N, C-alpha and C. Protein backbone atom coordinates (compact mmCIF):
# COMPACT_ATOMS: atom_id res chain seq x y z
N UNK A 1 9.71 172.27 166.64
CA UNK A 1 9.05 172.76 165.45
C UNK A 1 7.53 172.65 165.59
N UNK A 2 7.06 171.53 166.10
CA UNK A 2 5.62 171.34 166.29
C UNK A 2 5.07 172.35 167.28
N UNK A 3 5.84 172.60 168.33
CA UNK A 3 5.38 173.54 169.36
C UNK A 3 5.21 174.94 168.77
N UNK A 4 6.11 175.37 167.91
CA UNK A 4 6.02 176.69 167.29
C UNK A 4 4.78 176.77 166.40
N UNK A 5 4.54 175.72 165.64
CA UNK A 5 3.37 175.71 164.77
C UNK A 5 2.09 175.76 165.58
N UNK A 6 2.03 175.01 166.68
CA UNK A 6 0.81 175.02 167.48
C UNK A 6 0.63 176.35 168.20
N UNK A 7 1.73 177.00 168.58
CA UNK A 7 1.62 178.33 169.20
C UNK A 7 1.05 179.32 168.20
N UNK A 8 1.49 179.25 166.95
CA UNK A 8 0.96 180.14 165.91
C UNK A 8 -0.53 179.89 165.71
N UNK A 9 -0.92 178.62 165.72
CA UNK A 9 -2.33 178.28 165.59
C UNK A 9 -3.14 178.80 166.76
N UNK A 10 -2.57 178.71 167.95
CA UNK A 10 -3.24 179.22 169.14
C UNK A 10 -3.39 180.74 169.07
N UNK A 11 -2.35 181.42 168.61
CA UNK A 11 -2.42 182.88 168.48
C UNK A 11 -3.47 183.28 167.47
N UNK A 12 -3.54 182.56 166.34
CA UNK A 12 -4.58 182.86 165.33
C UNK A 12 -5.96 182.63 165.91
N UNK A 13 -6.12 181.55 166.66
CA UNK A 13 -7.41 181.24 167.25
C UNK A 13 -7.82 182.32 168.25
N UNK A 14 -6.89 182.78 169.09
CA UNK A 14 -7.20 183.80 170.10
C UNK A 14 -7.55 185.13 169.43
N UNK A 15 -6.96 185.39 168.26
CA UNK A 15 -7.26 186.63 167.55
C UNK A 15 -8.57 186.56 166.78
N UNK A 16 -9.15 185.39 166.66
CA UNK A 16 -10.40 185.24 165.90
C UNK A 16 -11.50 186.07 166.55
N UNK A 17 -12.15 186.96 165.80
CA UNK A 17 -13.15 187.87 166.39
C UNK A 17 -14.28 187.17 167.15
N UNK A 18 -14.79 186.07 166.61
CA UNK A 18 -15.90 185.39 167.29
C UNK A 18 -15.47 184.79 168.62
N UNK A 19 -14.26 184.25 168.67
CA UNK A 19 -13.77 183.69 169.93
C UNK A 19 -13.55 184.81 170.94
N UNK A 20 -12.98 185.92 170.50
CA UNK A 20 -12.78 187.06 171.41
C UNK A 20 -14.12 187.56 171.94
N UNK A 21 -15.12 187.64 171.06
CA UNK A 21 -16.45 188.06 171.50
C UNK A 21 -17.01 187.08 172.53
N UNK A 22 -16.85 185.79 172.25
CA UNK A 22 -17.38 184.79 173.16
C UNK A 22 -16.70 184.89 174.53
N UNK A 23 -15.39 185.11 174.54
CA UNK A 23 -14.67 185.24 175.81
C UNK A 23 -15.16 186.48 176.57
N UNK A 24 -15.32 187.59 175.87
CA UNK A 24 -15.84 188.80 176.51
C UNK A 24 -17.25 188.56 177.04
N UNK A 25 -18.08 187.92 176.21
CA UNK A 25 -19.46 187.63 176.60
C UNK A 25 -19.48 186.77 177.87
N UNK A 26 -18.59 185.79 177.93
CA UNK A 26 -18.52 184.92 179.11
C UNK A 26 -18.06 185.68 180.34
N UNK A 27 -17.11 186.59 180.17
CA UNK A 27 -16.64 187.39 181.31
C UNK A 27 -17.78 188.25 181.86
N UNK A 28 -18.50 188.90 180.98
CA UNK A 28 -19.65 189.70 181.41
C UNK A 28 -20.73 188.78 181.97
N UNK A 29 -20.90 187.64 181.34
CA UNK A 29 -21.87 186.66 181.84
C UNK A 29 -21.57 186.23 183.26
N UNK A 30 -20.29 186.12 183.59
CA UNK A 30 -19.92 185.74 184.96
C UNK A 30 -20.37 186.80 185.96
N UNK A 31 -20.19 188.06 185.61
CA UNK A 31 -20.65 189.12 186.53
C UNK A 31 -22.16 189.10 186.63
N UNK A 32 -22.83 188.90 185.51
CA UNK A 32 -24.29 188.82 185.53
C UNK A 32 -24.77 187.61 186.32
N UNK A 33 -24.04 186.50 186.20
CA UNK A 33 -24.39 185.29 186.95
C UNK A 33 -24.27 185.53 188.45
N UNK A 34 -23.21 186.22 188.87
CA UNK A 34 -23.04 186.51 190.29
C UNK A 34 -24.20 187.38 190.79
N UNK A 35 -24.58 188.36 189.99
CA UNK A 35 -25.72 189.22 190.34
C UNK A 35 -26.99 188.38 190.44
N UNK A 36 -27.25 187.58 189.40
CA UNK A 36 -28.46 186.75 189.34
C UNK A 36 -28.53 185.77 190.51
N UNK A 37 -27.48 184.98 190.67
CA UNK A 37 -27.48 183.96 191.72
C UNK A 37 -27.51 184.60 193.10
N UNK A 38 -26.73 185.65 193.29
CA UNK A 38 -26.68 186.30 194.61
C UNK A 38 -28.02 186.87 195.04
N UNK A 39 -28.65 187.60 194.14
CA UNK A 39 -29.95 188.20 194.47
C UNK A 39 -31.02 187.12 194.64
N UNK A 40 -31.04 186.15 193.72
CA UNK A 40 -32.06 185.09 193.79
C UNK A 40 -31.93 184.26 195.06
N UNK A 41 -30.70 183.87 195.39
CA UNK A 41 -30.51 183.08 196.63
C UNK A 41 -30.88 183.89 197.86
N UNK A 42 -30.49 185.15 197.90
CA UNK A 42 -30.82 186.01 199.04
C UNK A 42 -32.33 186.15 199.19
N UNK A 43 -33.01 186.47 198.10
CA UNK A 43 -34.46 186.66 198.18
C UNK A 43 -35.18 185.35 198.51
N UNK A 44 -34.70 184.25 197.97
CA UNK A 44 -35.37 182.96 198.19
C UNK A 44 -35.13 182.42 199.60
N UNK A 45 -33.87 182.43 200.04
CA UNK A 45 -33.54 181.73 201.28
C UNK A 45 -33.36 182.64 202.49
N UNK A 46 -33.16 183.95 202.29
CA UNK A 46 -33.08 184.86 203.44
C UNK A 46 -34.37 185.65 203.63
N UNK A 47 -34.96 186.07 202.50
CA UNK A 47 -36.19 186.85 202.57
C UNK A 47 -37.44 185.98 202.41
N UNK A 48 -37.24 184.71 202.04
CA UNK A 48 -38.31 183.72 201.90
C UNK A 48 -39.32 184.07 200.81
N UNK A 49 -38.83 184.66 199.72
CA UNK A 49 -39.67 184.90 198.56
C UNK A 49 -39.83 183.57 197.82
N UNK A 50 -40.89 183.46 197.05
CA UNK A 50 -41.06 182.32 196.15
C UNK A 50 -39.90 182.33 195.16
N UNK A 51 -39.32 181.16 194.88
CA UNK A 51 -38.13 181.09 194.05
C UNK A 51 -38.35 181.63 192.65
N UNK A 52 -39.55 181.48 192.09
CA UNK A 52 -39.81 181.98 190.74
C UNK A 52 -39.84 183.51 190.73
N UNK A 53 -40.48 184.12 191.70
CA UNK A 53 -40.50 185.58 191.80
C UNK A 53 -39.08 186.13 192.02
N UNK A 54 -38.34 185.50 192.92
CA UNK A 54 -36.96 185.91 193.18
C UNK A 54 -36.12 185.77 191.92
N UNK A 55 -36.29 184.67 191.21
CA UNK A 55 -35.54 184.43 189.98
C UNK A 55 -35.87 185.46 188.91
N UNK A 56 -37.12 185.81 188.80
CA UNK A 56 -37.54 186.79 187.79
C UNK A 56 -36.90 188.15 188.05
N UNK A 57 -36.92 188.60 189.29
CA UNK A 57 -36.32 189.89 189.63
C UNK A 57 -34.80 189.86 189.44
N UNK A 58 -34.15 188.83 189.97
CA UNK A 58 -32.69 188.76 189.86
C UNK A 58 -32.24 188.64 188.41
N UNK A 59 -32.97 187.88 187.63
CA UNK A 59 -32.64 187.70 186.21
C UNK A 59 -32.77 189.03 185.47
N UNK A 60 -33.81 189.80 185.79
CA UNK A 60 -34.03 191.10 185.14
C UNK A 60 -32.88 192.07 185.42
N UNK A 61 -32.43 192.10 186.64
CA UNK A 61 -31.30 192.97 187.00
C UNK A 61 -30.03 192.51 186.30
N UNK A 62 -29.81 191.22 186.26
CA UNK A 62 -28.62 190.67 185.60
C UNK A 62 -28.65 190.93 184.09
N UNK A 63 -29.82 190.87 183.49
CA UNK A 63 -29.96 191.13 182.05
C UNK A 63 -29.56 192.57 181.73
N UNK A 64 -30.00 193.50 182.54
CA UNK A 64 -29.65 194.90 182.32
C UNK A 64 -28.14 195.09 182.42
N UNK A 65 -27.53 194.49 183.43
CA UNK A 65 -26.07 194.52 183.56
C UNK A 65 -25.42 193.96 182.30
N UNK A 66 -25.90 192.83 181.83
CA UNK A 66 -25.33 192.19 180.64
C UNK A 66 -25.47 193.05 179.40
N UNK A 67 -26.62 193.68 179.23
CA UNK A 67 -26.81 194.53 178.05
C UNK A 67 -25.85 195.70 178.06
N UNK A 68 -25.77 196.39 179.18
CA UNK A 68 -24.91 197.57 179.26
C UNK A 68 -23.47 197.20 178.90
N UNK A 69 -22.93 196.19 179.55
CA UNK A 69 -21.53 195.84 179.32
C UNK A 69 -21.30 195.18 177.96
N UNK A 70 -22.23 194.35 177.49
CA UNK A 70 -22.05 193.75 176.17
C UNK A 70 -22.14 194.79 175.06
N UNK A 71 -23.03 195.76 175.19
CA UNK A 71 -23.13 196.78 174.15
C UNK A 71 -21.93 197.72 174.17
N UNK A 72 -21.33 197.95 175.34
CA UNK A 72 -20.17 198.84 175.43
C UNK A 72 -18.85 198.15 175.10
N UNK A 73 -18.78 196.81 175.29
CA UNK A 73 -17.48 196.15 175.17
C UNK A 73 -17.50 194.99 174.18
N UNK A 74 -18.34 194.00 174.39
CA UNK A 74 -18.32 192.79 173.57
C UNK A 74 -18.72 193.07 172.12
N UNK A 75 -19.85 193.74 171.95
CA UNK A 75 -20.39 193.99 170.62
C UNK A 75 -20.37 195.48 170.28
N UNK A 76 -19.42 196.21 170.82
CA UNK A 76 -19.31 197.66 170.63
C UNK A 76 -19.30 197.99 169.14
N UNK A 77 -20.18 198.93 168.77
CA UNK A 77 -20.22 199.38 167.39
C UNK A 77 -20.88 198.43 166.43
N UNK A 78 -21.42 197.35 166.95
CA UNK A 78 -22.04 196.36 166.08
C UNK A 78 -23.55 196.49 166.13
N UNK A 79 -24.19 196.02 165.13
CA UNK A 79 -25.64 196.01 165.10
C UNK A 79 -26.18 197.27 164.46
N UNK A 80 -27.40 197.17 164.03
CA UNK A 80 -28.05 198.33 163.44
C UNK A 80 -29.21 198.73 164.34
N UNK A 81 -29.68 199.93 164.14
CA UNK A 81 -30.78 200.41 164.95
C UNK A 81 -30.29 201.17 166.17
N UNK A 82 -31.23 201.78 166.83
CA UNK A 82 -30.91 202.58 168.01
C UNK A 82 -30.58 201.69 169.19
N UNK A 83 -29.99 202.30 170.20
CA UNK A 83 -29.68 201.59 171.44
C UNK A 83 -30.97 201.03 172.05
N UNK A 84 -32.04 201.80 171.97
CA UNK A 84 -33.34 201.35 172.50
C UNK A 84 -33.81 200.08 171.76
N UNK A 85 -33.68 200.07 170.43
CA UNK A 85 -34.08 198.89 169.66
C UNK A 85 -33.21 197.68 170.04
N UNK A 86 -31.91 197.91 170.20
CA UNK A 86 -31.04 196.82 170.61
C UNK A 86 -31.43 196.29 171.99
N UNK A 87 -31.74 197.22 172.90
CA UNK A 87 -32.12 196.79 174.25
C UNK A 87 -33.41 195.97 174.20
N UNK A 88 -34.36 196.38 173.38
CA UNK A 88 -35.62 195.64 173.29
C UNK A 88 -35.37 194.23 172.73
N UNK A 89 -34.49 194.11 171.75
CA UNK A 89 -34.13 192.78 171.23
C UNK A 89 -33.45 191.95 172.32
N UNK A 90 -32.52 192.59 173.03
CA UNK A 90 -31.79 191.92 174.11
C UNK A 90 -32.76 191.41 175.17
N UNK A 91 -33.72 192.26 175.54
CA UNK A 91 -34.71 191.87 176.55
C UNK A 91 -35.57 190.72 176.03
N UNK A 92 -35.99 190.78 174.76
CA UNK A 92 -36.82 189.72 174.19
C UNK A 92 -36.08 188.37 174.24
N UNK A 93 -34.82 188.39 173.86
CA UNK A 93 -34.02 187.16 173.90
C UNK A 93 -33.90 186.66 175.34
N UNK A 94 -33.72 187.58 176.26
CA UNK A 94 -33.55 187.18 177.65
C UNK A 94 -34.85 186.78 178.33
N UNK A 95 -35.98 187.22 177.80
CA UNK A 95 -37.27 186.72 178.30
C UNK A 95 -37.38 185.24 177.94
N UNK A 96 -36.99 184.90 176.71
CA UNK A 96 -36.94 183.48 176.33
C UNK A 96 -35.96 182.75 177.26
N UNK A 97 -34.82 183.40 177.53
CA UNK A 97 -33.84 182.82 178.45
C UNK A 97 -34.40 182.61 179.84
N UNK A 98 -35.18 183.56 180.33
CA UNK A 98 -35.80 183.43 181.65
C UNK A 98 -36.78 182.26 181.68
N UNK A 99 -37.59 182.14 180.63
CA UNK A 99 -38.55 181.03 180.56
C UNK A 99 -37.78 179.70 180.51
N UNK A 100 -36.72 179.64 179.71
CA UNK A 100 -35.89 178.43 179.67
C UNK A 100 -35.29 178.14 181.05
N UNK A 101 -34.79 179.18 181.70
CA UNK A 101 -34.18 179.05 183.01
C UNK A 101 -35.16 178.44 184.01
N UNK A 102 -36.35 178.99 184.09
CA UNK A 102 -37.35 178.50 185.03
C UNK A 102 -37.80 177.09 184.66
N UNK A 103 -37.98 176.83 183.36
CA UNK A 103 -38.40 175.49 182.92
C UNK A 103 -37.33 174.44 183.25
N UNK A 104 -36.08 174.78 183.03
CA UNK A 104 -34.99 173.84 183.34
C UNK A 104 -34.94 173.59 184.84
N UNK A 105 -35.01 174.66 185.62
CA UNK A 105 -34.96 174.50 187.08
C UNK A 105 -36.15 173.68 187.57
N UNK A 106 -37.33 173.97 187.06
CA UNK A 106 -38.53 173.23 187.46
C UNK A 106 -38.40 171.76 187.08
N UNK A 107 -37.81 171.48 185.92
CA UNK A 107 -37.61 170.09 185.49
C UNK A 107 -36.67 169.35 186.43
N UNK A 108 -35.62 170.03 186.86
CA UNK A 108 -34.68 169.41 187.80
C UNK A 108 -35.39 169.14 189.14
N UNK A 109 -36.18 170.09 189.60
CA UNK A 109 -36.91 169.88 190.86
C UNK A 109 -37.87 168.71 190.73
N UNK A 110 -38.51 168.60 189.57
CA UNK A 110 -39.42 167.47 189.32
C UNK A 110 -38.66 166.15 189.36
N UNK A 111 -37.46 166.12 188.81
CA UNK A 111 -36.66 164.89 188.83
C UNK A 111 -36.34 164.48 190.27
N UNK A 112 -36.10 165.45 191.14
CA UNK A 112 -35.78 165.15 192.53
C UNK A 112 -37.02 164.75 193.35
N UNK A 113 -38.15 165.40 193.09
CA UNK A 113 -39.32 165.20 193.96
C UNK A 113 -40.42 164.36 193.34
N UNK A 114 -40.51 164.35 192.02
CA UNK A 114 -41.61 163.67 191.36
C UNK A 114 -42.90 164.48 191.39
N UNK A 115 -42.83 165.71 191.87
CA UNK A 115 -44.01 166.58 191.95
C UNK A 115 -43.86 167.75 190.98
N UNK A 116 -44.93 167.98 190.21
CA UNK A 116 -44.94 169.14 189.31
C UNK A 116 -45.16 170.40 190.12
N UNK A 117 -46.09 170.36 191.02
CA UNK A 117 -46.37 171.50 191.89
C UNK A 117 -45.82 171.16 193.27
N UNK A 118 -44.96 172.04 193.75
CA UNK A 118 -44.31 171.81 195.03
C UNK A 118 -44.56 173.02 195.91
N UNK A 119 -45.02 172.79 197.10
CA UNK A 119 -45.26 173.88 198.05
C UNK A 119 -43.93 174.35 198.63
N UNK A 120 -43.72 175.65 198.64
CA UNK A 120 -42.51 176.21 199.22
C UNK A 120 -41.33 176.16 198.26
N UNK A 121 -40.20 176.54 198.78
CA UNK A 121 -38.97 176.57 197.98
C UNK A 121 -38.23 175.24 198.11
N UNK A 122 -37.50 174.87 197.05
CA UNK A 122 -36.73 173.63 197.10
C UNK A 122 -35.56 173.77 198.06
N UNK A 123 -35.01 172.66 198.51
CA UNK A 123 -33.79 172.73 199.32
C UNK A 123 -32.67 173.43 198.52
N UNK A 124 -31.81 174.11 199.21
CA UNK A 124 -30.75 174.90 198.57
C UNK A 124 -29.88 174.05 197.65
N UNK A 125 -29.56 172.82 198.04
CA UNK A 125 -28.70 171.98 197.21
C UNK A 125 -29.38 171.64 195.89
N UNK A 126 -30.70 171.44 195.89
CA UNK A 126 -31.43 171.18 194.64
C UNK A 126 -31.42 172.44 193.77
N UNK A 127 -31.61 173.58 194.42
CA UNK A 127 -31.60 174.86 193.70
C UNK A 127 -30.24 175.06 193.03
N UNK A 128 -29.16 174.77 193.73
CA UNK A 128 -27.81 174.94 193.17
C UNK A 128 -27.61 174.07 191.93
N UNK A 129 -28.03 172.84 191.97
CA UNK A 129 -27.89 171.93 190.82
C UNK A 129 -28.74 172.44 189.66
N UNK A 130 -29.98 172.79 189.94
CA UNK A 130 -30.89 173.26 188.90
C UNK A 130 -30.37 174.55 188.26
N UNK A 131 -29.91 175.46 189.09
CA UNK A 131 -29.41 176.73 188.58
C UNK A 131 -28.14 176.53 187.75
N UNK A 132 -27.25 175.66 188.20
CA UNK A 132 -26.03 175.38 187.45
C UNK A 132 -26.31 174.87 186.05
N UNK A 133 -27.23 173.92 185.94
CA UNK A 133 -27.61 173.38 184.63
C UNK A 133 -28.25 174.48 183.77
N UNK A 134 -29.14 175.25 184.37
CA UNK A 134 -29.81 176.33 183.64
C UNK A 134 -28.80 177.36 183.12
N UNK A 135 -27.81 177.69 183.91
CA UNK A 135 -26.80 178.67 183.50
C UNK A 135 -26.08 178.21 182.24
N UNK A 136 -25.68 176.95 182.20
CA UNK A 136 -24.95 176.43 181.03
C UNK A 136 -25.80 176.51 179.77
N UNK A 137 -27.03 176.05 179.85
CA UNK A 137 -27.90 176.01 178.66
C UNK A 137 -28.33 177.42 178.25
N UNK A 138 -28.77 178.22 179.19
CA UNK A 138 -29.29 179.55 178.86
C UNK A 138 -28.17 180.48 178.39
N UNK A 139 -26.97 180.35 178.92
CA UNK A 139 -25.85 181.18 178.46
C UNK A 139 -25.56 180.92 176.98
N UNK A 140 -25.60 179.68 176.58
CA UNK A 140 -25.36 179.33 175.17
C UNK A 140 -26.45 179.95 174.29
N UNK A 141 -27.69 179.81 174.69
CA UNK A 141 -28.81 180.41 173.96
C UNK A 141 -28.62 181.92 173.86
N UNK A 142 -28.34 182.57 174.97
CA UNK A 142 -28.22 184.03 174.98
C UNK A 142 -27.11 184.52 174.06
N UNK A 143 -25.94 183.87 174.10
CA UNK A 143 -24.84 184.31 173.25
C UNK A 143 -25.22 184.19 171.78
N UNK A 144 -25.68 183.02 171.37
CA UNK A 144 -25.98 182.81 169.95
C UNK A 144 -27.09 183.72 169.46
N UNK A 145 -28.15 183.86 170.24
CA UNK A 145 -29.27 184.69 169.82
C UNK A 145 -28.89 186.17 169.77
N UNK A 146 -28.13 186.64 170.74
CA UNK A 146 -27.71 188.04 170.73
C UNK A 146 -26.73 188.33 169.61
N UNK A 147 -25.82 187.43 169.36
CA UNK A 147 -24.84 187.62 168.28
C UNK A 147 -25.56 187.67 166.93
N UNK A 148 -26.52 186.78 166.73
CA UNK A 148 -27.19 186.68 165.43
C UNK A 148 -28.31 187.71 165.23
N UNK A 149 -28.91 188.22 166.32
CA UNK A 149 -30.07 189.11 166.16
C UNK A 149 -29.83 190.50 166.74
N UNK A 150 -29.54 190.57 168.02
CA UNK A 150 -29.43 191.89 168.67
C UNK A 150 -28.29 192.72 168.10
N UNK A 151 -27.12 192.11 168.00
CA UNK A 151 -25.92 192.85 167.61
C UNK A 151 -25.42 192.49 166.21
N UNK A 152 -26.30 191.93 165.38
CA UNK A 152 -25.87 191.59 164.02
C UNK A 152 -25.79 192.87 163.18
N UNK A 153 -24.96 192.81 162.17
CA UNK A 153 -24.75 193.99 161.32
C UNK A 153 -25.87 194.13 160.39
């Protein structure tokens, strides 16, 4: 009897619109994360670009991917204003996300090295830890801000 009741509760929870949106957002976020991390790591460690420049370019490409798929699937038909206005809001939120991303990563590098200004790129293992932490925090910011502002009714 308890199992049936909990299954019904689980079904209600899965049908909840905000949870479904969050799951869709996370799925799209995973593809954007692969784009972001893949391009940034390639540019930083194969092409020897400065990590901040590489991160800025990779993040920009990932943001565009996220907007296209979130507007077509996650938040389809939601929000007011033109697609251009929604994209500008999405970009504004993600610029804040980019600044948070770089600040979080820089803070992690500072914890490892004790240096605010560091010549060259950090070791790959430090970059992985910093990027992982940044992804968790910035993804939460992006979802909440986009749900409440970009795609709000």
